[in-house]
C-alpha cells in the first residue's frame, strides 16, 4: 500500500534532519576533536611564475689582477647561453689610498689598464655594467653590496676574478634552477644556491647538499640572500660578531675582521639551517676552477685544485637532475642530515628506528612543557655529547618546533596524530594522557627493535651519554630516577615480553585515571602503574648525581659526578636561561643556535 502524502512528507523531513545531524557530528569530530595537520602550500615564486622565466646576472668581483680578469671574462664569454639573456656586472675594487706615494703612479696605471680592457670587452649576451669603486672596500662589501634581489625570480652567479668557468656552467645552472627552484616537487626553501667548485664524495653522488657556502662560483637564490642581508644588518648594527667556535672561519675573522664576509654567511647558515648544492663529478672536474692567484686570499699563486669541465667532458650528464628526495644532505661536520622525518602513524616509527645507531639507547624527549629555547639548548648538548639516538614527541600546538625540528634533521612524533592512529580516532581531553599513551607504544616499538629506551622531558638536561640508571644493575629492566624522574627500560627478552600488547593496552586503558589521580611526569605515571599491576620497577636514588636547577649554587661549577640537570615546568623560561648560563650550561646564542660546531669521529 502506498504511503499517504502526510506520511511521505514526514519521512522526508525526518531524513533531512537525520542528514543534518550526521553531517554536524562529522564536522565536529573532524574539525574540533582532531587538530588540523600543517598544510603544505605551493611556494609563491612557483605560483607567480608558471612559465619559469627569470633574470640571470653574473656578478664578477675584481681587483688588481688583469691577467686573471682576462682569463675569467674570456671563459664567461665562451660559455653556451642558448640565446638566453645573461647580464654581466663587473665590480672593480679600488686600491687602498694609503699606498706608498712611490706606488701610486704604478697602481693608477695598472687600474687604467684594467678599466681599458673592461671597457673594450664585448658582451653580447645581455647588459654589461661596470662599477669602479672610489675607495678600497674589500671582499665583504664587494660581495654584500653587489646585489639586492628585485623579486623572487632574480638570480646571480658570483665569481671572483681568479676563476675560470666551464663552457657548460650556465646550461647546468639553468637546468638546476628550473628543477630545484621552480619544480614544486623538488623545491626546498632551505636551499640557498649552488657552489661552482668540486667536492669529493662517494662515486655515486653527482649532487649533494652541504651547509658550507662557496666563493669559487656561487649561484645565489633571491629569498635566502635577502634574509641574510637583513640578518647581517641587524647583527652588525647591534655589534654582534659572527663567532662560531669549531669553524676555521672563526680564526679567519679574528685575524682579518671585516675584510672578509664568509664568517657572517656561515654563521647565518648555521643559525637558520640552510644548505648549498654541491657537485661531485668524476676525475675531480668542476664547473668553476679557482687558479688561486696571489691576492687577498693567497699570498702567492697556488694554482688550480681541480680540472675544468670542457668540450672533452661529454661523458658527464649535465641535464638529468636527481629528485631532491634522492639527494643526501650533510651538515658542517659532513654528517648525514635526514630532514622531514615527522611520524603521524605509529607503524611508521620503524623508518626512524632503522636510522638509529645500534646498541645505544633511544631518548624519547617530551617537549610539551618546555620552551623552544630550552629545546634548542638541549639539542646543542646532544651534539656536544654525540647523542644521536633521540626522537622528539611534539604536540600540535608547538607549531614553531614542528617547523624547525624536522627541517633541521631532528626526528619528530606528532603526538595527536600518532595517538589517533593508536586509538582509532578516540579523543583525549588531556594532553598528558595522549602523550603518555604514545610514549608507551613507542617504547614497545623500541624494544621490538632491540633498543633500550629513556623517556625524558625538555626540562631535563643530560650531561652524559651513558645510561647511568641501568649501569651494573641486573635485578630489573625498568628504572625511574628518584630525583630526575626520568624513566629507563633496558632491552632484554624479559622486558620485551612484559612490555607487549597486553601491557600497553592495559596502560592505555588506565592512563586517564592515573593522570587524574597523580599527574606529573611519565616516570610518575609509570611508577604508579607498575604498583597497581604488581610489577617490579626500581626507583634509583639519583639525587646525588641529579641537580635541581632551582636550588643549585650557581656560584660553583657543576660537579663532574652530575649526570642530569632538571627544573620544574613552572619555572620561568628566563630564570632557566639565566641559571643555566651561570652554570656554563646555556650554550646557544641570541639566534637560539649552538655557539659551537662540535664534530665527532664516525
Protein backbone atom coordinates (compact mmCIF):
# COMPACT_ATOMS: atom_id res chain seq x y z
CA UNK A 1 0.00 0.00 0.00
CA UNK A 2 1.46 3.40 -0.98
CA UNK A 3 2.22 5.86 1.86
CA UNK A 4 -0.18 8.74 2.39
CA UNK A 5 1.07 12.25 1.43
CA UNK A 6 1.37 13.24 5.11
CA UNK A 7 3.44 10.18 5.98
CA UNK A 8 5.63 10.73 2.91
CA UNK A 9 6.14 14.38 3.89
CA UNK A 10 7.07 13.37 7.45
CA UNK A 11 9.56 10.78 6.16
CA UNK A 12 11.33 13.39 4.01
CA UNK A 13 11.56 15.83 6.92
CA UNK A 14 12.92 13.08 9.20
CA UNK A 15 15.56 12.05 6.66
CA UNK A 16 16.57 15.69 6.12
CA UNK A 17 17.11 16.32 9.85
CA UNK A 18 18.93 13.00 10.21
CA UNK A 19 21.31 14.06 7.43
CA UNK A 20 21.92 17.44 9.11
CA UNK A 21 22.60 15.72 12.44
CA UNK A 22 25.08 13.23 10.96
CA UNK A 23 26.84 15.96 8.95
CA UNK A 24 27.15 18.15 12.06
CA UNK A 25 28.64 15.25 14.04
CA UNK A 26 31.16 14.66 11.23
CA UNK A 27 32.18 18.31 11.12
CA UNK A 28 32.54 18.49 14.90
CA UNK A 29 34.63 15.34 15.14
CA UNK A 30 36.79 16.17 12.13
CA UNK A 31 37.49 19.82 12.80
CA UNK A 32 37.18 20.08 16.58
CA UNK A 33 38.38 16.81 18.03
CA UNK A 34 41.29 16.19 15.65
CA UNK A 35 43.76 19.10 15.39
CA UNK A 36 44.49 20.03 11.78
CA UNK A 37 47.85 18.93 10.44
CA UNK A 38 50.26 21.50 8.97
CA UNK A 39 49.27 22.34 5.40
CA UNK A 40 51.74 22.33 2.53
CA UNK A 41 51.27 25.32 0.27
CA UNK A 42 52.74 25.93 -3.13
CA UNK A 43 55.63 28.45 -2.85
CA UNK A 44 54.62 31.86 -4.17
CA UNK A 45 57.50 32.02 -6.66
CA UNK A 46 56.14 28.86 -8.32
CA UNK A 47 52.57 30.15 -8.40
CA UNK A 48 53.52 33.52 -9.88
CA UNK A 49 56.00 32.27 -12.46
CA UNK A 50 54.43 29.33 -14.22
CA UNK A 51 56.43 29.98 -17.40
CA UNK A 52 59.67 29.84 -15.35
CA UNK A 53 61.31 32.92 -16.82
CA UNK A 54 63.92 34.51 -14.61
CA UNK A 55 66.73 37.05 -14.60
CA UNK A 56 70.28 35.73 -14.51
CA UNK A 57 73.16 38.09 -13.79
CA UNK A 58 76.86 37.37 -13.44
CA UNK A 59 78.46 39.41 -10.65
CA UNK A 60 82.18 39.48 -11.33
CA UNK A 61 84.28 40.79 -8.42
CA UNK A 62 87.69 42.12 -9.50
CA UNK A 63 90.63 43.91 -8.00
CA UNK A 64 94.12 44.38 -9.46
CA UNK A 65 94.72 41.18 -11.45
CA UNK A 66 94.38 41.96 -15.14
CA UNK A 67 95.66 38.58 -16.29
CA UNK A 68 93.22 36.76 -14.02
CA UNK A 69 90.34 39.01 -15.03
CA UNK A 70 91.10 38.50 -18.73
CA UNK A 71 91.06 34.72 -18.34
CA UNK A 72 87.80 34.83 -16.34
CA UNK A 73 85.96 37.09 -18.81
CA UNK A 74 87.05 35.07 -21.82
CA UNK A 75 85.79 31.86 -20.19
CA UNK A 76 82.45 33.53 -19.39
CA UNK A 77 82.14 34.85 -22.92
CA UNK A 78 82.90 31.43 -24.43
CA UNK A 79 80.19 29.60 -22.49
CA UNK A 80 76.95 28.33 -24.05
CA UNK A 81 73.92 30.52 -23.32
CA UNK A 82 71.36 29.13 -25.83
CA UNK A 83 70.40 32.67 -26.88
CA UNK A 84 69.26 33.45 -23.31
CA UNK A 85 69.73 36.93 -21.87
CA UNK A 86 72.50 36.91 -19.30
CA UNK A 87 73.72 40.18 -17.80
CA UNK A 88 77.30 40.89 -16.73
CA UNK A 89 78.07 43.27 -13.85
CA UNK A 90 81.74 43.88 -13.08
CA UNK A 91 82.71 45.35 -9.69
CA UNK A 92 86.29 46.64 -9.55
CA UNK A 93 87.58 47.42 -6.08
CA UNK A 94 89.92 50.42 -5.74
CA UNK A 95 93.44 50.11 -4.41
CA UNK A 96 93.95 51.42 -0.84
CA UNK A 97 94.58 55.15 -0.76
CA UNK A 98 97.20 54.54 1.94
CA UNK A 99 99.59 53.09 -0.64
CA UNK A 100 103.12 54.44 -0.55
CA UNK A 101 103.47 57.55 -2.78
CA UNK A 102 106.05 55.80 -4.91
CA UNK A 103 103.48 53.11 -5.73
CA UNK A 104 100.61 55.41 -6.67
CA UNK A 105 101.66 56.00 -10.27
CA UNK A 106 102.12 52.28 -10.87
CA UNK A 107 98.79 51.48 -9.21
CA UNK A 108 96.95 54.09 -11.26
CA UNK A 109 98.45 52.81 -14.48
CA UNK A 110 97.57 49.20 -13.55
CA UNK A 111 93.93 50.09 -12.87
CA UNK A 112 93.69 52.14 -16.05
CA UNK A 113 94.81 49.07 -17.96
CA UNK A 114 92.08 47.04 -16.24
CA UNK A 115 89.43 49.67 -16.98
CA UNK A 116 90.58 49.97 -20.58
CA UNK A 117 90.28 46.23 -21.07
CA UNK A 118 86.87 46.04 -19.40
CA UNK A 119 85.58 48.98 -21.45
CA UNK A 120 86.62 47.29 -24.67
CA UNK A 121 85.35 43.85 -23.70
CA UNK A 122 82.35 42.84 -25.81
CA UNK A 123 79.45 41.15 -24.02
CA UNK A 124 76.77 40.12 -26.49
CA UNK A 125 74.53 38.11 -24.15
CA UNK A 126 72.95 40.95 -22.19
CA UNK A 127 73.70 44.23 -20.43
CA UNK A 128 77.27 44.89 -19.33
CA UNK A 129 77.67 47.15 -16.31
CA UNK A 130 80.96 48.30 -14.76
CA UNK A 131 81.17 49.63 -11.21
CA UNK A 132 84.58 51.13 -10.39
CA UNK A 133 84.80 51.99 -6.72
CA UNK A 134 86.29 55.25 -5.46
CA UNK A 135 87.90 53.62 -2.43
CA UNK A 136 89.05 50.20 -1.35
CA UNK A 137 86.20 48.32 0.36
CA UNK A 138 87.45 44.72 0.48
CA UNK A 139 85.73 41.43 -0.23
CA UNK A 140 82.96 41.82 2.35
CA UNK A 141 81.49 44.93 0.73
CA UNK A 142 82.23 43.59 -2.77
CA UNK A 143 80.02 40.57 -2.08
CA UNK A 144 77.37 42.11 0.13
CA UNK A 145 76.81 45.28 -1.88
CA UNK A 146 76.78 43.60 -5.29
CA UNK A 147 73.15 42.52 -5.18
CA UNK A 148 69.74 43.11 -3.70
CA UNK A 149 67.19 40.87 -5.48
CA UNK A 150 64.39 42.81 -7.15
CA UNK A 151 62.00 39.84 -6.89
CA UNK A 152 61.85 36.08 -6.35
CA UNK A 153 62.97 35.43 -9.94
CA UNK A 154 66.23 37.36 -9.80
CA UNK A 155 69.33 35.11 -9.65
CA UNK A 156 73.01 35.93 -9.52
CA UNK A 157 76.14 33.92 -10.12
CA UNK A 158 79.02 35.47 -8.18
CA UNK A 159 82.57 34.88 -9.41
CA UNK A 160 85.86 36.29 -8.27
CA UNK A 161 88.37 37.28 -10.94
CA UNK A 162 90.74 34.33 -10.49
CA UNK A 163 88.05 31.85 -11.58
CA UNK A 164 87.76 30.10 -14.92
CA UNK A 165 84.34 28.82 -15.97
CA UNK A 166 83.32 25.71 -17.86
CA UNK A 167 81.60 26.35 -21.21
CA UNK A 168 78.69 24.30 -19.78
CA UNK A 169 78.32 26.17 -16.49
CA UNK A 170 75.26 28.24 -17.49
CA UNK A 171 73.39 25.35 -19.11
CA UNK A 172 73.87 23.36 -15.92
CA UNK A 173 72.83 26.20 -13.62
CA UNK A 174 69.76 26.96 -15.73
CA UNK A 175 68.66 23.35 -15.55
CA UNK A 176 69.32 23.32 -11.81
CA UNK A 177 67.19 26.46 -11.25
CA UNK A 178 64.30 25.04 -13.24
CA UNK A 179 64.48 21.71 -11.41
CA UNK A 180 65.23 22.67 -7.79
CA UNK A 181 63.62 26.12 -7.64
CA UNK A 182 60.62 26.08 -9.96
CA UNK A 183 59.62 22.42 -9.71
CA UNK A 184 57.41 22.21 -6.62
CA UNK A 185 58.19 18.52 -6.04
CA UNK A 186 61.94 19.22 -5.90
CA UNK A 187 61.87 22.63 -4.25
CA UNK A 188 63.08 23.21 -0.71
CA UNK A 189 63.03 26.68 0.89
CA UNK A 190 66.18 25.71 2.80
CA UNK A 191 68.46 25.57 -0.24
CA UNK A 192 70.25 28.87 -0.80
CA UNK A 193 72.12 28.14 -4.02
CA UNK A 194 74.79 26.14 -5.81
CA UNK A 195 78.57 26.03 -5.34
CA UNK A 196 80.61 26.02 -8.58
CA UNK A 197 83.70 24.12 -7.49
CA UNK A 198 84.07 20.38 -6.87
CA UNK A 199 83.95 18.49 -3.59
CA UNK A 200 84.83 14.82 -3.38
CA UNK A 201 82.27 12.35 -2.06
CA UNK A 202 81.42 8.78 -2.98
CA UNK A 203 81.45 7.83 -6.65
CA UNK A 204 77.65 7.57 -6.84
CA UNK A 205 76.71 11.09 -5.71
CA UNK A 206 76.84 13.59 -8.56
CA UNK A 207 74.88 16.10 -6.48
CA UNK A 208 74.60 16.51 -2.73
CA UNK A 209 73.67 19.20 -0.20
CA UNK A 210 76.19 20.64 2.23
CA UNK A 211 75.90 23.67 4.51
CA UNK A 212 79.12 25.44 3.60
CA UNK A 213 79.00 28.45 1.26
CA UNK A 214 81.50 28.61 -1.60
CA UNK A 215 83.30 31.60 -3.05
CA UNK A 216 84.53 29.79 -6.17
CA UNK A 217 81.47 30.43 -8.30
CA UNK A 218 78.33 30.67 -6.14
CA UNK A 219 74.80 30.70 -7.52
CA UNK A 220 72.54 32.53 -5.06
CA UNK A 221 68.77 32.22 -4.71
CA UNK A 222 66.95 35.51 -4.00
CA UNK A 223 64.95 34.89 -0.83
CA UNK A 224 67.71 33.40 1.35
CA UNK A 225 70.08 36.20 0.29
CA UNK A 226 67.56 38.87 1.27
CA UNK A 227 67.03 37.15 4.60
CA UNK A 228 70.78 37.01 5.13
CA UNK A 229 71.29 40.69 4.32
CA UNK A 230 68.58 41.75 6.80
CA UNK A 231 70.03 39.42 9.45
CA UNK A 232 73.52 40.81 8.76
CA UNK A 233 72.29 44.40 9.09
CA UNK A 234 70.56 43.63 12.38
CA UNK A 235 73.53 41.85 13.92
CA UNK A 236 76.12 44.34 12.73
CA UNK A 237 74.06 47.29 13.96
CA UNK A 238 73.87 45.64 17.40
CA UNK A 239 77.61 44.97 17.49
CA UNK A 240 77.16 41.17 17.40
CA UNK A 241 80.16 39.33 15.94
CA UNK A 242 79.84 36.22 13.74
CA UNK A 243 81.81 33.96 16.06
CA UNK A 244 81.15 30.24 15.63
CA UNK A 245 83.53 28.06 17.60
CA UNK A 246 84.73 24.93 15.86
CA UNK A 247 84.80 26.52 12.38
CA UNK A 248 88.02 27.56 10.67
CA UNK A 249 86.34 30.83 9.66
CA UNK A 250 86.30 31.80 13.34
CA UNK A 251 90.09 32.14 13.24
CA UNK A 252 89.89 33.95 9.92
CA UNK A 253 87.52 36.53 11.35
CA UNK A 254 89.62 37.06 14.47
CA UNK A 255 92.60 37.70 12.21
CA UNK A 256 91.05 39.60 9.28
CA UNK A 257 87.90 41.10 10.78
CA UNK A 258 85.53 42.88 8.42
CA UNK A 259 87.74 42.38 5.38
CA UNK A 260 86.02 39.01 4.77
CA UNK A 261 82.35 38.13 4.55
CA UNK A 262 82.21 34.31 4.77
CA UNK A 263 82.15 34.12 8.61
CA UNK A 264 78.95 36.19 8.53
CA UNK A 265 77.23 33.98 5.98
CA UNK A 266 78.38 30.75 7.64
CA UNK A 267 77.02 31.96 10.98
CA UNK A 268 73.71 32.80 9.28
CA UNK A 269 73.52 29.40 7.56
CA UNK A 270 74.25 27.64 10.85
CA UNK A 271 71.56 29.52 12.77
CA UNK A 272 68.89 29.23 10.03
CA UNK A 273 69.55 25.72 8.74
CA UNK A 274 70.28 26.45 5.07
CA UNK A 275 72.05 24.14 2.61
CA UNK A 276 74.04 24.58 -0.61
CA UNK A 277 74.02 22.31 -3.67
CA UNK A 278 77.42 20.79 -4.47
CA UNK A 279 78.63 18.74 -7.43
CA UNK A 280 80.88 15.70 -7.37
CA UNK A 281 81.91 14.96 -10.95
CA UNK A 282 84.36 12.16 -11.83
CA UNK A 283 88.10 12.83 -12.03
CA UNK A 284 87.78 15.96 -9.84
CA UNK A 285 86.22 18.00 -12.61
CA UNK A 286 84.24 21.15 -11.87
CA UNK A 287 82.09 23.87 -13.44
CA UNK A 288 84.32 26.56 -11.94
CA UNK A 289 88.02 26.33 -11.18
CA UNK A 290 89.93 28.77 -8.99
CA UNK A 291 93.51 29.34 -10.11
CA UNK A 292 94.16 30.65 -6.59
CA UNK A 293 96.17 33.57 -7.89
CA UNK A 294 98.10 35.77 -5.49
CA UNK A 295 95.80 38.34 -3.93
CA UNK A 296 93.65 38.92 -0.84
CA UNK A 297 93.16 35.20 -0.14
CA UNK A 298 96.59 33.88 -1.23
CA UNK A 299 99.97 35.39 -0.59
CA UNK A 300 101.34 33.66 -3.69
CA UNK A 301 99.77 31.80 -6.58
CA UNK A 302 98.77 28.24 -5.60
CA UNK A 303 97.34 27.09 -8.93
CA UNK A 304 94.08 25.24 -9.69
CA UNK A 305 92.93 22.40 -7.44
CA UNK A 306 90.62 20.72 -9.96
CA UNK A 307 90.01 20.24 -13.66
CA UNK A 308 87.54 22.22 -15.72
CA UNK A 309 84.60 20.52 -17.41
CA UNK A 310 85.39 21.31 -21.02
CA UNK A 311 84.44 20.15 -24.51
CA UNK A 312 86.06 16.78 -23.81
CA UNK A 313 83.69 16.12 -20.88
CA UNK A 314 80.82 14.72 -22.90
CA UNK A 315 80.80 11.63 -20.67
CA UNK A 316 79.07 13.60 -17.90
CA UNK A 317 75.29 14.05 -17.92
CA UNK A 318 74.61 17.69 -17.11
CA UNK A 319 70.91 17.63 -17.97
CA UNK A 320 69.21 14.99 -15.84
CA UNK A 321 68.87 16.01 -12.23
CA UNK A 322 68.27 13.68 -9.29
CA UNK A 323 64.96 14.09 -7.45
CA UNK A 324 65.51 16.05 -4.25
CA UNK A 325 64.22 13.07 -2.26
CA UNK A 326 67.20 11.02 -3.51
CA UNK A 327 69.89 13.57 -2.65
CA UNK A 328 71.97 13.30 0.53
CA UNK A 329 72.12 16.24 2.97
CA UNK A 330 75.23 16.91 5.09
CA UNK A 331 75.88 19.34 7.94
CA UNK A 332 79.11 21.24 8.61
CA UNK A 333 80.66 18.11 10.13
CA UNK A 334 79.81 16.19 6.97
CA UNK A 335 77.41 14.06 8.95
CA UNK A 336 74.25 12.99 7.15
CA UNK A 337 71.15 15.04 7.86
CA UNK A 338 67.75 13.39 7.36
CA UNK A 339 65.20 16.21 7.04
CA UNK A 340 61.43 15.89 7.07
CA UNK A 341 61.07 12.94 9.47
CA UNK A 342 57.64 13.51 11.03
CA UNK A 343 55.79 10.43 12.27
CA UNK A 344 51.99 10.70 12.17
CA UNK A 345 51.15 6.98 12.31
CA UNK A 346 52.58 4.58 14.89
CA UNK A 347 53.52 1.91 12.35
CA UNK A 348 55.79 4.42 10.57
CA UNK A 349 58.11 4.68 13.59
CA UNK A 350 60.21 1.86 12.13
CA UNK A 351 61.60 4.21 9.47
CA UNK A 352 63.17 6.34 12.23
CA UNK A 353 64.36 3.41 14.34
CA UNK A 354 66.06 1.95 11.26
CA UNK A 355 68.29 5.07 11.06
CA UNK A 356 69.38 4.90 14.72
CA UNK A 357 72.76 3.67 15.99
CA UNK A 358 72.57 0.11 17.29
CA UNK A 359 73.48 -0.81 20.88
CA UNK A 360 72.75 2.71 22.13
CA UNK A 361 69.61 3.83 23.97
CA UNK A 362 66.92 5.89 22.28
CA UNK A 363 65.87 9.04 24.11
CA UNK A 364 62.19 9.91 23.79
CA UNK A 365 62.03 13.63 24.53
CA UNK A 366 58.73 15.22 25.51
CA UNK A 367 58.70 18.96 24.75
CA UNK A 368 55.09 19.69 25.71
CA UNK A 369 56.11 21.74 28.77
CA UNK A 370 59.46 23.08 27.55
CA UNK A 371 60.31 26.42 25.98
CA UNK A 372 61.62 26.49 22.43
CA UNK A 373 64.95 27.92 23.59
CA UNK A 374 65.36 25.17 26.19
CA UNK A 375 64.80 22.59 23.44
CA UNK A 376 67.42 24.26 21.24
CA UNK A 377 69.87 24.27 24.15
CA UNK A 378 69.16 20.57 24.71
CA UNK A 379 69.92 19.83 21.04
CA UNK A 380 73.28 21.60 21.37
CA UNK A 381 74.13 19.40 24.36
CA UNK A 382 73.14 16.35 22.33
CA UNK A 383 75.64 17.47 19.68
CA UNK A 384 78.32 18.12 22.30
CA UNK A 385 77.80 14.68 23.87
CA UNK A 386 77.46 12.96 20.48
CA UNK A 387 73.97 11.74 21.38
CA UNK A 388 72.31 10.83 18.09
CA UNK A 389 69.53 8.42 19.10
CA UNK A 390 66.66 10.68 20.08
CA UNK A 391 63.09 11.37 18.99
CA UNK A 392 61.09 14.46 19.94
CA UNK A 393 57.46 13.99 20.92
CA UNK A 394 55.75 17.24 19.93
CA UNK A 395 52.12 18.36 20.36
CA UNK A 396 50.36 20.18 17.54
CA UNK A 397 50.31 23.50 19.43
CA UNK A 398 54.13 23.69 19.33
CA UNK A 399 54.00 24.92 15.73
CA UNK A 400 57.41 26.62 15.75
CA UNK A 401 59.13 23.43 16.87
CA UNK A 402 57.14 21.42 14.32
CA UNK A 403 58.59 23.65 11.60
CA UNK A 404 62.14 23.86 12.93
CA UNK A 405 62.91 20.34 14.18
CA UNK A 406 62.09 18.27 11.05
CA UNK A 407 63.82 20.59 8.59
CA UNK A 408 66.95 20.52 10.76
CA UNK A 409 67.03 16.73 10.63
CA UNK A 410 65.61 16.04 14.09
CA UNK A 411 63.01 13.21 14.12
CA UNK A 412 59.57 14.14 15.41
CA UNK A 413 56.49 12.24 16.57
CA UNK A 414 53.32 14.30 16.19
CA UNK A 415 51.50 13.46 19.44
CA UNK A 416 47.86 13.88 18.43
CA UNK A 417 48.21 12.14 15.07
CA UNK A 418 50.01 9.10 16.47
CA UNK A 419 47.51 8.92 19.35
CA UNK A 420 44.69 8.88 16.78
CA UNK A 421 46.42 6.08 14.86
CA UNK A 422 46.62 4.05 18.10
CA UNK A 423 43.10 4.65 19.38
CA UNK A 424 41.26 4.80 16.07
CA UNK A 425 40.44 8.49 16.38
CA UNK A 426 39.43 8.46 20.06
CA UNK A 427 39.72 11.93 21.54
CA UNK A 428 41.73 12.72 24.67
CA UNK A 429 40.73 15.68 26.77
CA UNK A 430 44.16 15.90 28.41
CA UNK A 431 47.44 16.33 26.53
CA UNK A 432 49.33 14.30 29.14
CA UNK A 433 47.03 11.33 28.51
CA UNK A 434 47.66 11.21 24.77
CA UNK A 435 51.37 11.83 25.28
CA UNK A 436 51.67 9.03 27.86
CA UNK A 437 49.88 6.55 25.60
CA UNK A 438 52.08 7.49 22.64
CA UNK A 439 55.26 7.14 24.74
CA UNK A 440 54.18 3.69 25.94
CA UNK A 441 53.55 2.40 22.43
CA UNK A 442 56.77 3.92 21.06
CA UNK A 443 58.75 2.24 23.86
CA UNK A 444 57.22 -1.05 22.72
CA UNK A 445 58.45 -0.37 19.17
CA UNK A 446 61.94 0.45 20.52
CA UNK A 447 62.08 -2.82 22.45
CA UNK A 448 60.85 -4.76 19.42
CA UNK A 449 63.83 -3.29 17.52
CA UNK A 450 66.19 -4.23 20.40
CA UNK A 451 66.84 -0.72 21.73
CA UNK A 452 67.00 0.50 25.31
CA UNK A 453 64.66 3.45 25.80
CA UNK A 454 64.80 6.51 28.02
CA UNK A 455 61.95 8.96 28.50
CA UNK A 456 62.99 12.48 29.42
CA UNK A 457 61.39 15.90 29.10
CA UNK A 458 62.60 19.17 27.64
CA UNK A 459 63.00 20.33 31.25
CA UNK A 460 65.88 17.91 31.74
CA UNK A 461 69.47 18.35 30.58
CA UNK A 462 71.61 15.19 30.34
CA UNK A 463 75.28 15.83 31.00
CA UNK A 464 76.45 12.38 29.93
CA UNK A 465 75.67 9.96 27.14
CA UNK A 466 75.89 6.93 29.45
CA UNK A 467 72.70 5.32 30.85
CA UNK A 468 73.78 5.53 34.47
CA UNK A 469 70.37 4.49 35.78
CA UNK A 470 70.84 0.97 34.45
CA UNK A 471 74.59 0.52 34.75
CA UNK A 472 75.65 -2.55 36.69
CA UNK A 473 72.14 -3.43 37.91
CA UNK A 474 70.58 -6.60 36.53
CA UNK A 475 67.80 -7.08 39.10
CA UNK A 476 65.20 -5.47 36.86
CA UNK A 477 64.87 -3.87 33.43
CA UNK A 478 62.70 -0.91 34.49
CA UNK A 479 64.03 2.15 36.31
CA UNK A 480 62.89 5.61 37.33
CA UNK A 481 65.14 8.28 38.82
CA UNK A 482 64.12 9.43 42.29
CA UNK A 483 65.45 12.92 41.73
CA UNK A 484 65.31 13.35 37.94
CA UNK A 485 62.08 11.32 37.44
CA UNK A 486 63.30 10.16 34.06
CA UNK A 487 62.34 6.64 33.08
CA UNK A 488 64.56 3.97 31.52
CA UNK A 489 63.86 0.49 30.22
CA UNK A 490 66.63 -1.92 29.28
CA UNK A 491 66.23 -4.28 26.36
CA UNK A 492 66.02 -7.97 27.22
CA UNK A 493 63.80 -10.90 26.32
CA UNK A 494 62.02 -10.34 29.63
CA UNK A 495 61.37 -6.60 29.07
CA UNK A 496 60.10 -7.31 25.54
CA UNK A 497 57.68 -9.92 26.88
CA UNK A 498 56.43 -7.68 29.70
CA UNK A 499 56.09 -4.54 27.59
CA UNK A 500 53.94 -6.28 24.99
CA UNK A 501 50.49 -5.74 23.53
CA UNK A 502 48.56 -6.61 26.70
CA UNK A 503 50.77 -4.31 28.80
CA UNK A 504 50.43 -1.24 26.60
CA UNK A 505 46.71 -1.75 26.06
CA UNK A 506 46.17 -2.01 29.81
CA UNK A 507 48.31 1.08 30.39
CA UNK A 508 46.32 2.98 27.76
CA UNK A 509 43.06 2.00 29.49
CA UNK A 510 44.34 3.16 32.89
CA UNK A 511 46.18 6.29 31.80
CA UNK A 512 43.25 8.67 32.25
CA UNK A 513 42.63 7.61 35.84
CA UNK A 514 46.38 7.64 36.62
CA UNK A 515 46.79 11.14 35.19
CA UNK A 516 43.73 12.48 37.05
CA UNK A 517 44.96 11.00 40.35
CA UNK A 518 48.73 11.51 40.13
CA UNK A 519 49.51 13.79 37.16
CA UNK A 520 53.20 14.57 36.93
CA UNK A 521 55.71 13.10 34.51
CA UNK A 522 55.79 9.87 32.54
CA UNK A 523 58.06 8.46 35.26
CA UNK A 524 55.44 9.27 37.92
CA UNK A 525 52.64 7.63 35.93
CA UNK A 526 54.64 4.50 35.09
CA UNK A 527 55.73 4.08 38.70
CA UNK A 528 52.09 4.11 39.87
CA UNK A 529 51.03 1.82 37.04
CA UNK A 530 53.66 -0.76 37.98
CA UNK A 531 52.45 -0.62 41.59
CA UNK A 532 48.84 -1.16 40.53
CA UNK A 533 49.57 -4.23 38.39
CA UNK A 534 52.16 -5.72 40.75
CA UNK A 535 55.27 -5.45 38.58
CA UNK A 536 58.73 -4.56 39.85
CA UNK A 537 60.20 -1.19 38.96
CA UNK A 538 63.34 0.08 40.63
CA UNK A 539 63.43 3.66 41.90
CA UNK A 540 67.08 4.67 41.65
CA UNK A 541 68.28 7.27 44.13
CA UNK A 542 69.97 9.64 41.71
CA UNK A 543 69.67 12.72 43.93
CA UNK A 544 73.45 12.73 44.34
CA UNK A 545 74.02 12.97 40.60
CA UNK A 546 70.87 14.86 39.57
CA UNK A 547 70.98 18.61 40.08
CA UNK A 548 67.81 20.67 40.73
CA UNK A 549 68.30 23.92 38.87
CA UNK A 550 66.13 25.99 41.22
CA UNK A 551 68.28 25.11 44.26
CA UNK A 552 71.68 24.83 42.55
CA UNK A 553 74.56 27.00 43.74
CA UNK A 554 75.28 28.95 40.54
CA UNK A 555 78.49 30.34 42.02
CA UNK A 556 80.07 26.89 41.86
CA UNK A 557 80.85 24.81 38.81
CA UNK A 558 78.78 21.72 38.14
CA UNK A 559 80.29 18.60 39.71
CA UNK A 560 81.75 16.05 37.33
CA UNK A 561 79.53 13.46 39.06
CA UNK A 562 76.37 15.28 37.95
CA UNK A 563 74.62 13.38 35.16
CA UNK A 564 71.41 15.40 34.84
CA UNK A 565 70.08 18.90 35.49
CA UNK A 566 66.32 19.21 35.99
CA UNK A 567 63.86 22.01 36.66
CA UNK A 568 60.13 22.39 37.14
CA UNK A 569 57.97 23.15 34.07
CA UNK A 570 56.54 26.07 36.04
CA UNK A 571 59.94 27.77 36.38
CA UNK A 572 60.08 30.93 34.27
CA UNK A 573 61.98 30.43 30.99
CA UNK A 574 64.19 33.48 31.62
CA UNK A 575 65.17 32.15 35.04
CA UNK A 576 66.06 28.79 33.47
CA UNK A 577 68.22 30.55 30.87
CA UNK A 578 69.98 32.77 33.43
CA UNK A 579 70.75 29.97 35.86
CA UNK A 580 71.99 27.61 33.15
CA UNK A 581 74.11 30.46 31.81
CA UNK A 582 75.67 30.98 35.23
CA UNK A 583 76.44 27.26 35.38
CA UNK A 584 78.01 27.35 31.91
CA UNK A 585 75.28 25.10 30.53
CA UNK A 586 73.48 27.59 28.28
CA UNK A 587 75.29 27.03 25.01
CA UNK A 588 73.02 28.77 22.49
CA UNK A 589 73.39 32.32 21.20
CA UNK A 590 70.92 35.13 20.58
CA UNK A 591 69.65 33.33 17.47
CA UNK A 592 68.89 30.23 19.59
CA UNK A 593 71.54 28.28 17.68
CA UNK A 594 74.57 26.46 19.08
CA UNK A 595 77.55 28.66 19.88
CA UNK A 596 79.87 25.98 18.51
CA UNK A 597 80.04 23.34 15.81
CA UNK A 598 81.18 20.12 17.50
CA UNK A 599 82.26 17.32 15.18
CA UNK A 600 82.85 13.73 16.31
CA UNK A 601 84.62 10.92 14.53
CA UNK A 602 82.24 8.46 12.95
